[in-house]
Amino acid sequence: MRYLDGQEPDPLYPHSETMHHMLTLSMVMAIIIGIVLFILGRRGNVLWLKVWSILLIVLSLAYLIADAINLV
């Protein structure tokens, strides 16, 4: 069961805390993957790989910052 018997879900925070932790872990993994892909893009001199990896890192960091200041 998702909720205890008789307990109603909070309409302001309908998702569980586990979902929040999974999203945070996904963003941290995306930053690590983005760094690795950027390094590979620099070694292979592949422009699109460098651009996409930088965007992945920037967007993941933006999500984590927005989450830290409670915008998400």
C-alpha atoms as a PDB file:
ATOM      1  CA  MET A   1       0.000   0.000   0.000  1.00  0.00           C
ATOM      2  CA  ARG A   2       1.107   3.490  -0.689  1.00  0.00           C
ATOM      3  CA  TYR A   3      -0.604   5.177   2.272  1.00  0.00           C
ATOM      4  CA  LEU A   4      -1.547   4.023   5.731  1.00  0.00           C
ATOM      5  CA  ASP A   5      -5.151   2.991   6.343  1.00  0.00           C
ATOM      6  CA  GLY A   6      -7.314   6.069   6.638  1.00  0.00           C
ATOM      7  CA  GLN A   7      -4.544   8.448   5.610  1.00  0.00           C
ATOM      8  CA  GLU A   8      -5.317  10.692   2.648  1.00  0.00           C
ATOM      9  CA  PRO A   9      -2.569  11.730   0.226  1.00  0.00           C
ATOM     10  CA  ASP A  10      -1.265  15.253   0.583  1.00  0.00           C
ATOM     11  CA  PRO A  11      -2.579  17.221  -2.432  1.00  0.00           C
ATOM     12  CA  LEU A  12       0.394  19.613  -2.294  1.00  0.00           C
ATOM     13  CA  TYR A  13       2.934  16.771  -2.411  1.00  0.00           C
ATOM     14  CA  PRO A  14       1.308  13.795  -4.154  1.00  0.00           C
ATOM     15  CA  HIS A  15       4.542  11.919  -4.889  1.00  0.00           C
ATOM     16  CA  SER A  16       6.420   9.888  -2.335  1.00  0.00           C
ATOM     17  CA  GLU A  17       9.834  10.850  -0.986  1.00  0.00           C
ATOM     18  CA  THR A  18      11.353   7.896  -2.835  1.00  0.00           C
ATOM     19  CA  MET A  19      10.381   9.444  -6.172  1.00  0.00           C
ATOM     20  CA  HIS A  20      12.206  12.622  -5.178  1.00  0.00           C
ATOM     21  CA  HIS A  21      15.361  10.666  -4.311  1.00  0.00           C
ATOM     22  CA  MET A  22      15.223   8.772  -7.614  1.00  0.00           C
ATOM     23  CA  LEU A  23      15.039  12.028  -9.593  1.00  0.00           C
ATOM     24  CA  THR A  24      17.972  13.468  -7.661  1.00  0.00           C
ATOM     25  CA  LEU A  25      20.019  10.311  -8.251  1.00  0.00           C
ATOM     26  CA  SER A  26      19.148  10.446 -11.961  1.00  0.00           C
ATOM     27  CA  MET A  27      20.407  14.026 -12.195  1.00  0.00           C
ATOM     28  CA  VAL A  28      23.668  13.166 -10.430  1.00  0.00           C
ATOM     29  CA  MET A  29      24.176  10.210 -12.776  1.00  0.00           C
ATOM     30  CA  ALA A  30      23.394  12.468 -15.761  1.00  0.00           C
ATOM     31  CA  ILE A  31      26.125  14.887 -14.653  1.00  0.00           C
ATOM     32  CA  ILE A  32      28.655  12.046 -14.399  1.00  0.00           C
ATOM     33  CA  ILE A  33      27.627  10.644 -17.790  1.00  0.00           C
ATOM     34  CA  GLY A  34      27.775  14.145 -19.303  1.00  0.00           C
ATOM     35  CA  ILE A  35      31.334  14.636 -18.039  1.00  0.00           C
ATOM     36  CA  VAL A  36      32.421  11.280 -19.478  1.00  0.00           C
ATOM     37  CA  LEU A  37      30.762  12.035 -22.826  1.00  0.00           C
ATOM     38  CA  PHE A  38      32.367  15.477 -22.932  1.00  0.00           C
ATOM     39  CA  ILE A  39      35.800  13.943 -22.394  1.00  0.00           C
ATOM     40  CA  LEU A  40      35.130  11.407 -25.140  1.00  0.00           C
ATOM     41  CA  GLY A  41      33.898  14.185 -27.427  1.00  0.00           C
ATOM     42  CA  ARG A  42      37.062  16.193 -26.863  1.00  0.00           C
ATOM     43  CA  ARG A  43      39.297  13.199 -27.524  1.00  0.00           C
ATOM     44  CA  GLY A  44      37.449  12.274 -30.701  1.00  0.00           C
ATOM     45  CA  ASN A  45      36.942  15.905 -31.731  1.00  0.00           C
ATOM     46  CA  VAL A  46      33.182  15.322 -32.143  1.00  0.00           C
ATOM     47  CA  LEU A  47      31.335  18.629 -31.909  1.00  0.00           C
ATOM     48  CA  TRP A  48      27.781  17.300 -31.449  1.00  0.00           C
ATOM     49  CA  LEU A  49      28.875  15.047 -28.594  1.00  0.00           C
ATOM     50  CA  LYS A  50      30.506  17.966 -26.801  1.00  0.00           C
ATOM     51  CA  VAL A  51      27.423  20.164 -27.270  1.00  0.00           C
ATOM     52  CA  TRP A  52      24.951  17.513 -26.079  1.00  0.00           C
ATOM     53  CA  SER A  53      27.092  16.573 -23.076  1.00  0.00           C
ATOM     54  CA  ILE A  54      27.417  20.233 -22.022  1.00  0.00           C
ATOM     55  CA  LEU A  55      23.636  20.645 -22.334  1.00  0.00           C
ATOM     56  CA  LEU A  56      23.105  17.488 -20.273  1.00  0.00           C
ATOM     57  CA  ILE A  57      25.371  18.805 -17.529  1.00  0.00           C
ATOM     58  CA  VAL A  58      23.827  22.296 -17.532  1.00  0.00           C
ATOM     59  CA  LEU A  59      20.228  21.052 -17.443  1.00  0.00           C
ATOM     60  CA  SER A  60      20.989  18.520 -14.703  1.00  0.00           C
ATOM     61  CA  LEU A  61      22.685  21.185 -12.606  1.00  0.00           C
ATOM     62  CA  ALA A  62      19.777  23.551 -13.226  1.00  0.00           C
ATOM     63  CA  TYR A  63      17.339  20.929 -11.944  1.00  0.00           C
ATOM     64  CA  LEU A  64      19.419  20.284  -8.820  1.00  0.00           C
ATOM     65  CA  ILE A  65      19.721  24.020  -8.108  1.00  0.00           C
ATOM     66  CA  ALA A  66      15.991  24.551  -8.665  1.00  0.00           C
ATOM     67  CA  ASP A  67      15.289  21.617  -6.356  1.00  0.00           C
ATOM     68  CA  ALA A  68      17.598  23.030  -3.686  1.00  0.00           C
ATOM     69  CA  ILE A  69      15.726  26.340  -3.630  1.00  0.00           C
ATOM     70  CA  ASN A  70      12.317  24.591  -3.819  1.00  0.00           C
ATOM     71  CA  LEU A  71      11.300  25.717  -7.298  1.00  0.00           C
ATOM     72  CA  VAL A  72      10.564  22.159  -8.424  1.00  0.00           C
END
